[in-house]
């Protein structure tokens, strides 16, 4: 009897364990099925994270080389699978378009009433706003409110306040969801840092240009006959470099080298600089030293090494009979060949202690006469066209860049491991 009861208990326990095992197997099978079903989502989330990290890195690396606002917008469109959008930012307390793709707006435009209402909503809440077609008119009678199939706007926060708004529209496959909101919020955080750095960059640029202008003013203060000469040479040099289709960096180097081409005259005595008659051979040799003095001064600043090299060679001649090294033709840096031509043109127009000014027509004739000997003929032709365009107002010479490409390259070199 006892043996039979014990056997029944063992059998019951075994059956219970088998039932638990079956339940565990069933649960494991369900979990495996869930994992298989969730795998595409996990892969997508992982890819999204990689894309976000890559995008953030590219945005920060592009600080000195690209339109950072457009890059932020392109990143937002890519992350959200949207087809068009815009980035609004606060300028002097008001919103304006910083970048736009496919929405019929240009950089610097004021946003139309509908987009302004969206920006106001995002600003007041500090949170994303999304809507579908014909939803959320935001109390504004504007045809653009029906222009989007679906759209999402998210804030760009800076120092705890909304400093801008990223808007993306017309997602390809479906409406925007909470994941898209999260992605744009993260991107907005990265964008705020990049935008703040861009503003600091602009401040640095302002200080940089002011410093260069002060250096040029120091030179001109030594020679009252040449007021405005360096700034005029710089404008013509940039226009000529652009006419020659030189790279942005080469245009910048030419522009800054032209601005500082005579900086070495700081080391030349006034009796030589302002001598009313011809210089003696010894005085001429001393005057020619200004290119080496300028090269040495600028070369002490690592960011200006390229500019220093152009300053050194801007008195070389195309036929090799110039100074200080007597190099010829293409061995002379192209930026130095540009500065040589426009500096000579402007010098002829200036009144000096030792000569009266000449007319623009006579200065042009002199450039033609020395083309192929003193000057690169290709540069002469480009310079004459550029000077005419600048003087007539048909060719606007822009600033040398938000920050010189040479400076950007030097900074990137420092950042590389």
Protein backbone atom coordinates (compact mmCIF):
# COMPACT_ATOMS: atom_id res chain seq x y z
CA UNK A 1 0.00 0.00 0.00
CA UNK A 2 2.76 2.44 1.02
CA UNK A 3 4.81 1.53 -2.03
CA UNK A 4 1.80 2.18 -4.29
CA UNK A 5 1.14 5.60 -2.71
CA UNK A 6 4.81 6.61 -3.10
CA UNK A 7 4.71 5.58 -6.73
CA UNK A 8 1.60 7.69 -7.30
CA UNK A 9 3.31 10.74 -5.70
CA UNK A 10 6.40 10.30 -7.84
CA UNK A 11 4.29 9.98 -10.93
CA UNK A 12 2.36 13.12 -10.04
CA UNK A 13 5.60 15.06 -9.41
CA UNK A 14 7.01 13.89 -12.72
CA UNK A 15 3.87 14.96 -14.52
CA UNK A 16 4.08 18.38 -12.85
CA UNK A 17 7.70 18.80 -13.87
CA UNK A 18 6.85 17.75 -17.42
CA UNK A 19 4.08 20.32 -17.51
CA UNK A 20 6.45 23.04 -16.26
CA UNK A 21 9.02 22.00 -18.84
CA UNK A 22 6.41 22.13 -21.58
CA UNK A 23 5.36 25.61 -20.41
CA UNK A 24 8.99 26.78 -20.43
CA UNK A 25 9.47 25.38 -23.91
CA UNK A 26 6.35 27.15 -25.07
CA UNK A 27 7.51 30.39 -23.48
CA UNK A 28 10.95 30.05 -25.04
CA UNK A 29 9.37 29.41 -28.41
CA UNK A 30 7.25 32.56 -28.00
CA UNK A 31 10.29 34.60 -27.00
CA UNK A 32 12.26 33.29 -29.97
CA UNK A 33 9.36 34.17 -32.23
CA UNK A 34 9.19 37.64 -30.69
CA UNK A 35 12.94 38.08 -31.17
CA UNK A 36 12.60 37.06 -34.81
CA UNK A 37 9.76 39.51 -35.27
CA UNK A 38 11.63 42.29 -33.47
CA UNK A 39 14.91 41.70 -35.30
CA UNK A 40 14.14 44.02 -38.23
CA UNK A 41 13.17 46.77 -35.79
CA UNK A 42 16.34 46.27 -33.76
CA UNK A 43 18.42 46.34 -36.92
CA UNK A 44 16.64 49.53 -38.01
CA UNK A 45 17.13 51.14 -34.59
CA UNK A 46 20.80 50.19 -34.58
CA UNK A 47 21.22 51.60 -38.10
CA UNK A 48 19.38 54.74 -37.02
CA UNK A 49 21.73 55.14 -34.08
CA UNK A 50 24.78 54.69 -36.31
CA UNK A 51 23.34 57.22 -38.75
CA UNK A 52 22.72 59.69 -35.92
CA UNK A 53 26.28 59.33 -34.61
CA UNK A 54 27.72 59.67 -38.11
CA UNK A 55 25.53 62.68 -38.86
CA UNK A 56 26.49 64.40 -35.60
CA UNK A 57 30.17 63.82 -36.32
CA UNK A 58 29.83 65.15 -39.88
CA UNK A 59 27.96 68.24 -38.69
CA UNK A 60 30.68 69.16 -36.22
CA UNK A 61 33.48 68.38 -38.70
CA UNK A 62 31.79 70.55 -41.32
CA UNK A 63 31.96 73.63 -39.09
CA UNK A 64 34.73 75.26 -41.13
CA UNK A 65 34.04 73.85 -44.56
CA UNK A 66 30.33 73.68 -45.37
CA UNK A 67 27.01 75.43 -44.95
CA UNK A 68 26.28 73.95 -41.54
CA UNK A 69 22.58 74.90 -41.57
CA UNK A 70 21.94 73.12 -44.84
CA UNK A 71 23.87 70.08 -43.62
CA UNK A 72 21.70 69.93 -40.49
CA UNK A 73 18.57 70.08 -42.63
CA UNK A 74 19.85 67.41 -45.03
CA UNK A 75 20.59 65.20 -42.03
CA UNK A 76 17.08 65.73 -40.65
CA UNK A 77 15.53 64.79 -43.99
CA UNK A 78 17.67 61.66 -44.20
CA UNK A 79 16.88 60.52 -40.65
CA UNK A 80 13.15 61.02 -41.07
CA UNK A 81 12.80 59.83 -44.69
CA UNK A 82 11.21 63.19 -45.50
CA UNK A 83 11.38 64.78 -48.92
CA UNK A 84 11.59 68.48 -48.09
CA UNK A 85 11.80 70.91 -45.24
CA UNK A 86 13.47 73.98 -43.79
CA UNK A 87 15.52 75.14 -40.84
CA UNK A 88 14.47 78.36 -39.17
CA UNK A 89 16.72 80.22 -36.76
CA UNK A 90 16.39 83.24 -34.53
CA UNK A 91 18.15 86.36 -35.81
CA UNK A 92 17.88 89.53 -33.73
CA UNK A 93 14.85 88.14 -31.96
CA UNK A 94 12.97 87.05 -35.07
CA UNK A 95 12.81 83.87 -37.16
CA UNK A 96 14.31 83.62 -40.63
CA UNK A 97 15.10 80.79 -43.02
CA UNK A 98 18.62 79.43 -42.49
CA UNK A 99 18.24 76.58 -44.99
CA UNK A 100 15.46 75.26 -47.21
CA UNK A 101 15.00 72.29 -49.52
CA UNK A 102 11.96 71.88 -51.75
CA UNK A 103 9.72 74.44 -50.02
CA UNK A 104 10.15 77.46 -52.30
CA UNK A 105 12.09 79.54 -49.77
CA UNK A 106 15.60 81.00 -49.85
CA UNK A 107 18.14 81.52 -47.11
CA UNK A 108 17.41 84.73 -45.24
CA UNK A 109 13.69 84.79 -46.11
CA UNK A 110 11.13 85.50 -43.44
CA UNK A 111 8.95 82.38 -43.01
CA UNK A 112 5.42 82.67 -44.44
CA UNK A 113 2.54 82.97 -41.94
CA UNK A 114 1.83 79.23 -41.72
CA UNK A 115 5.42 78.26 -41.01
CA UNK A 116 5.74 81.20 -38.64
CA UNK A 117 2.72 79.93 -36.72
CA UNK A 118 4.31 76.47 -36.48
CA UNK A 119 7.56 78.00 -35.23
CA UNK A 120 5.63 80.01 -32.65
CA UNK A 121 3.87 76.85 -31.46
CA UNK A 122 7.16 74.98 -31.12
CA UNK A 123 8.76 77.97 -29.38
CA UNK A 124 5.96 78.36 -26.85
CA UNK A 125 5.84 74.64 -26.00
CA UNK A 126 9.47 73.72 -26.47
CA UNK A 127 8.30 70.35 -27.82
CA UNK A 128 7.80 68.86 -31.31
CA UNK A 129 4.64 69.41 -33.32
CA UNK A 130 3.46 66.99 -36.01
CA UNK A 131 0.41 66.95 -38.20
CA UNK A 132 -1.12 65.25 -41.20
CA UNK A 133 -2.68 66.63 -44.36
CA UNK A 134 -5.22 69.40 -43.76
CA UNK A 135 -4.76 69.11 -40.00
CA UNK A 136 -3.78 71.90 -37.68
CA UNK A 137 -4.35 75.14 -39.59
CA UNK A 138 -2.87 76.92 -36.53
CA UNK A 139 -5.36 79.71 -36.97
CA UNK A 140 -3.64 80.99 -40.09
CA UNK A 141 -5.21 81.54 -43.49
CA UNK A 142 -2.29 80.56 -45.71
CA UNK A 143 -2.32 78.35 -48.79
CA UNK A 144 0.87 76.68 -47.59
CA UNK A 145 -0.96 74.91 -44.75
CA UNK A 146 -2.23 72.33 -47.23
CA UNK A 147 1.09 72.08 -49.07
CA UNK A 148 2.41 69.21 -46.93
CA UNK A 149 1.15 65.64 -46.97
CA UNK A 150 2.49 65.30 -43.44
CA UNK A 151 5.05 67.22 -41.45
CA UNK A 152 6.99 67.41 -38.21
CA UNK A 153 8.63 70.38 -36.52
CA UNK A 154 11.09 70.10 -33.63
CA UNK A 155 12.95 72.72 -31.57
CA UNK A 156 16.64 73.50 -31.62
CA UNK A 157 17.41 74.37 -28.01
CA UNK A 158 20.22 76.72 -26.98
CA UNK A 159 20.86 77.66 -23.36
CA UNK A 160 17.46 76.36 -22.33
CA UNK A 161 15.42 78.24 -24.92
CA UNK A 162 14.23 77.55 -28.45
CA UNK A 163 16.74 79.11 -30.81
CA UNK A 164 15.51 77.49 -34.01
CA UNK A 165 13.06 75.05 -35.55
CA UNK A 166 13.70 72.09 -37.84
CA UNK A 167 10.74 71.29 -40.07
CA UNK A 168 10.55 68.16 -42.26
CA UNK A 169 7.65 67.28 -44.51
CA UNK A 170 6.21 64.62 -46.83
CA UNK A 171 7.57 61.42 -45.34
CA UNK A 172 7.83 58.85 -48.11
CA UNK A 173 6.05 55.80 -46.66
CA UNK A 174 3.95 56.83 -43.65
CA UNK A 175 3.16 59.60 -41.21
CA UNK A 176 5.75 60.78 -38.73
CA UNK A 177 5.73 59.10 -35.33
CA UNK A 178 7.23 59.43 -31.85
CA UNK A 179 10.51 57.89 -33.01
CA UNK A 180 10.90 60.65 -35.59
CA UNK A 181 10.25 63.21 -32.86
CA UNK A 182 12.95 61.66 -30.68
CA UNK A 183 15.41 61.62 -33.58
CA UNK A 184 14.83 65.27 -34.41
CA UNK A 185 15.14 66.25 -30.74
CA UNK A 186 18.51 64.50 -30.55
CA UNK A 187 19.56 66.11 -33.82
CA UNK A 188 18.35 69.47 -32.51
CA UNK A 189 20.63 69.05 -29.52
CA UNK A 190 23.62 68.36 -31.74
CA UNK A 191 22.58 71.17 -34.06
CA UNK A 192 22.45 73.66 -31.18
CA UNK A 193 26.05 72.91 -30.28
CA UNK A 194 27.11 73.18 -33.92
CA UNK A 195 25.20 76.45 -34.39
CA UNK A 196 26.75 77.91 -31.26
CA UNK A 197 30.18 76.90 -32.54
CA UNK A 198 29.34 78.47 -35.91
CA UNK A 199 28.54 81.74 -34.16
CA UNK A 200 31.79 81.59 -32.25
CA UNK A 201 33.48 80.87 -35.58
CA UNK A 202 31.96 84.03 -37.02
CA UNK A 203 33.19 86.04 -34.03
CA UNK A 204 36.67 84.59 -34.54
CA UNK A 205 36.45 85.45 -38.21
CA UNK A 206 35.50 89.02 -37.36
CA UNK A 207 38.46 89.34 -35.03
CA UNK A 208 40.72 87.72 -37.64
CA UNK A 209 39.71 90.10 -40.41
CA UNK A 210 39.90 93.10 -38.08
CA UNK A 211 43.42 92.11 -37.07
CA UNK A 212 44.49 91.78 -40.71
CA UNK A 213 42.93 95.14 -41.55
CA UNK A 214 44.77 96.75 -38.63
CA UNK A 215 48.05 95.28 -39.87
CA UNK A 216 47.35 96.69 -43.33
CA UNK A 217 46.50 100.07 -41.77
CA UNK A 218 49.84 100.03 -39.97
CA UNK A 219 51.58 99.82 -43.33
CA UNK A 220 49.50 102.56 -44.89
CA UNK A 221 50.03 104.79 -41.85
CA UNK A 222 53.74 104.77 -42.76
CA UNK A 223 52.94 105.98 -46.28
CA UNK A 224 50.16 108.62 -46.54
CA UNK A 225 50.28 108.41 -50.33
CA UNK A 226 48.80 104.90 -50.39
CA UNK A 227 45.69 105.14 -48.19
CA UNK A 228 43.31 102.34 -49.14
CA UNK A 229 45.85 100.72 -51.44
CA UNK A 230 46.04 97.33 -49.67
CA UNK A 231 42.28 97.01 -49.33
CA UNK A 232 41.81 97.85 -53.03
CA UNK A 233 44.47 95.35 -54.07
CA UNK A 234 42.73 92.71 -51.94
CA UNK A 235 39.37 93.28 -53.65
CA UNK A 236 40.87 93.06 -57.12
CA UNK A 237 42.93 90.00 -56.17
CA UNK A 238 39.90 88.06 -54.99
CA UNK A 239 37.93 89.01 -58.09
CA UNK A 240 40.83 87.99 -60.34
CA UNK A 241 41.31 84.68 -58.54
CA UNK A 242 37.65 83.93 -58.98
CA UNK A 243 37.81 84.90 -62.66
CA UNK A 244 40.66 82.37 -63.00
CA UNK A 245 38.38 79.78 -61.33
CA UNK A 246 40.87 79.11 -58.57
CA UNK A 247 39.67 77.08 -55.61
CA UNK A 248 37.95 78.80 -52.69
CA UNK A 249 41.08 78.34 -50.62
CA UNK A 250 43.29 79.88 -53.31
CA UNK A 251 40.89 82.81 -53.60
CA UNK A 252 41.14 83.33 -49.85
CA UNK A 253 44.94 83.11 -49.87
CA UNK A 254 45.15 85.62 -52.72
CA UNK A 255 42.77 87.99 -50.96
CA UNK A 256 44.55 87.94 -47.61
CA UNK A 257 48.03 88.00 -49.15
CA UNK A 258 47.01 91.05 -51.18
CA UNK A 259 45.77 92.75 -48.03
CA UNK A 260 49.11 92.10 -46.30
CA UNK A 261 51.52 92.14 -49.24
CA UNK A 262 53.36 95.23 -47.96
CA UNK A 263 53.39 94.33 -44.26
CA UNK A 264 57.18 93.96 -44.45
CA UNK A 265 57.52 97.70 -45.10
CA UNK A 266 57.16 98.09 -41.34
CA UNK A 267 60.84 97.20 -41.26
CA UNK A 268 61.90 99.76 -43.89
CA UNK A 269 62.96 103.23 -42.81
CA UNK A 270 60.84 106.27 -43.67
CA UNK A 271 63.64 107.98 -45.57
CA UNK A 272 63.62 105.08 -48.06
CA UNK A 273 59.83 104.64 -48.18
CA UNK A 274 59.15 108.34 -48.79
CA UNK A 275 62.22 109.30 -50.78
CA UNK A 276 61.07 111.68 -53.56
CA UNK A 277 63.72 110.62 -56.07
CA UNK A 278 65.18 107.38 -57.39
CA UNK A 279 66.62 104.93 -54.90
CA UNK A 280 70.32 104.12 -54.84
CA UNK A 281 71.29 100.47 -55.45
CA UNK A 282 71.80 100.03 -51.71
CA UNK A 283 68.43 101.61 -50.93
CA UNK A 284 66.73 99.50 -53.59
CA UNK A 285 68.23 96.35 -52.10
CA UNK A 286 66.98 97.40 -48.70
CA UNK A 287 63.49 98.12 -50.06
CA UNK A 288 63.39 94.69 -51.67
CA UNK A 289 63.94 93.16 -48.25
CA UNK A 290 60.33 94.02 -47.36
CA UNK A 291 59.12 90.76 -48.94
CA UNK A 292 61.38 88.69 -46.69
CA UNK A 293 60.46 90.76 -43.64
CA UNK A 294 56.75 90.25 -44.42
CA UNK A 295 57.29 86.54 -44.98
CA UNK A 296 59.10 86.24 -41.64
CA UNK A 297 56.44 88.20 -39.74
CA UNK A 298 53.49 86.27 -41.18
CA UNK A 299 55.35 82.95 -41.06
CA UNK A 300 55.42 83.21 -37.27
CA UNK A 301 51.65 82.62 -37.39
CA UNK A 302 51.09 78.96 -38.40
CA UNK A 303 47.63 79.79 -39.76
CA UNK A 304 49.13 82.23 -42.26
CA UNK A 305 51.94 80.12 -43.73
CA UNK A 306 50.32 80.02 -47.19
CA UNK A 307 49.75 83.78 -47.11
CA UNK A 308 53.36 84.32 -46.02
CA UNK A 309 54.60 82.33 -49.02
CA UNK A 310 52.62 84.51 -51.43
CA UNK A 311 53.86 87.70 -49.76
CA UNK A 312 57.43 86.45 -50.25
CA UNK A 313 56.97 85.94 -54.01
CA UNK A 314 54.64 88.74 -55.10
CA UNK A 315 57.54 90.67 -56.68
CA UNK A 316 58.81 87.76 -58.77
CA UNK A 317 58.60 88.27 -62.53
CA UNK A 318 57.12 85.84 -65.02
CA UNK A 319 60.41 85.89 -66.96
CA UNK A 320 62.46 85.06 -63.85
CA UNK A 321 64.07 88.50 -63.40
CA UNK A 322 62.20 89.40 -60.23
CA UNK A 323 63.06 89.09 -56.56
CA UNK A 324 63.78 87.65 -54.03
CA UNK A 325 64.46 84.21 -55.58
CA UNK A 326 64.30 84.85 -59.33
CA UNK A 327 61.79 82.05 -59.97
CA UNK A 328 59.81 82.14 -63.21
CA UNK A 329 56.54 81.05 -64.83
CA UNK A 330 54.49 78.42 -63.06
CA UNK A 331 57.16 78.09 -60.36
CA UNK A 332 55.71 81.32 -58.94
CA UNK A 333 52.61 80.52 -56.82
CA UNK A 334 49.50 81.42 -58.81
CA UNK A 335 48.24 83.58 -55.93
CA UNK A 336 51.51 85.55 -56.03
CA UNK A 337 51.13 86.06 -59.79
CA UNK A 338 47.65 87.46 -59.13
CA UNK A 339 48.84 89.82 -56.39
CA UNK A 340 51.74 90.96 -58.61
CA UNK A 341 49.42 92.11 -61.40
CA UNK A 342 46.76 93.84 -59.30
CA UNK A 343 49.36 95.43 -57.00
CA UNK A 344 51.16 96.92 -60.02
CA UNK A 345 47.88 98.22 -61.44
CA UNK A 346 46.85 99.89 -58.18
CA UNK A 347 50.37 101.27 -57.60
CA UNK A 348 50.25 103.00 -60.96
CA UNK A 349 46.96 104.68 -60.02
CA UNK A 350 48.37 105.91 -56.69
CA UNK A 351 50.26 109.16 -56.25
CA UNK A 352 53.63 108.48 -54.65
CA UNK A 353 56.39 110.72 -53.32
CA UNK A 354 58.43 109.88 -56.40
CA UNK A 355 55.74 109.88 -59.11
CA UNK A 356 52.32 111.26 -60.05
CA UNK A 357 49.32 108.95 -60.58
CA UNK A 358 48.52 107.62 -64.03
CA UNK A 359 45.09 107.07 -65.58
CA UNK A 360 43.33 103.72 -65.53
CA UNK A 361 43.71 103.48 -69.31
CA UNK A 362 47.46 104.04 -69.11
CA UNK A 363 47.77 101.50 -66.26
CA UNK A 364 45.91 98.92 -68.35
CA UNK A 365 48.19 99.62 -71.30
CA UNK A 366 51.24 99.06 -69.08
CA UNK A 367 49.91 95.70 -67.94
CA UNK A 368 49.44 94.67 -71.57
CA UNK A 369 52.93 95.93 -72.46
CA UNK A 370 54.58 93.82 -69.75
CA UNK A 371 52.36 90.78 -70.24
CA UNK A 372 54.52 87.72 -70.81
CA UNK A 373 57.64 89.37 -69.36
CA UNK A 374 56.88 90.82 -65.95
CA UNK A 375 53.40 89.35 -65.66
CA UNK A 376 51.64 86.06 -66.41
CA UNK A 377 49.58 86.89 -69.55
CA UNK A 378 46.67 84.70 -68.45
CA UNK A 379 46.53 86.51 -65.12
CA UNK A 380 46.77 89.92 -66.83
CA UNK A 381 43.72 89.17 -68.97
CA UNK A 382 41.74 87.85 -66.00
CA UNK A 383 42.76 90.83 -63.86
CA UNK A 384 41.71 93.39 -66.46
CA UNK A 385 38.31 91.72 -66.80
CA UNK A 386 37.90 91.46 -63.03
CA UNK A 387 38.91 95.08 -62.41
CA UNK A 388 36.42 96.31 -65.00
CA UNK A 389 33.67 94.18 -63.49
CA UNK A 390 34.41 95.35 -59.94
CA UNK A 391 34.65 99.02 -60.91
CA UNK A 392 31.40 98.88 -62.87
CA UNK A 393 29.58 97.21 -59.99
CA UNK A 394 28.61 94.23 -62.12
CA UNK A 395 30.79 91.89 -60.09
CA UNK A 396 30.31 92.00 -56.33
CA UNK A 397 33.38 90.88 -54.41
CA UNK A 398 32.22 88.90 -51.40
CA UNK A 399 34.04 88.54 -48.15
CA UNK A 400 36.95 86.13 -48.15
CA UNK A 401 34.91 83.43 -46.43
CA UNK A 402 33.18 82.75 -43.10
CA UNK A 403 36.60 81.68 -41.98
CA UNK A 404 39.61 81.29 -44.27
CA UNK A 405 39.92 77.83 -45.74
CA UNK A 406 43.58 77.93 -44.83
CA UNK A 407 42.56 78.40 -41.21
CA UNK A 408 40.07 75.56 -41.43
CA UNK A 409 42.70 73.24 -42.86
CA UNK A 410 45.20 74.12 -40.17
CA UNK A 411 42.62 73.49 -37.46
CA UNK A 412 41.68 70.14 -38.96
CA UNK A 413 45.36 69.20 -39.11
CA UNK A 414 45.64 69.94 -35.39
CA UNK A 415 42.56 67.83 -34.63
CA UNK A 416 43.83 64.74 -36.45
CA UNK A 417 45.39 62.11 -34.19
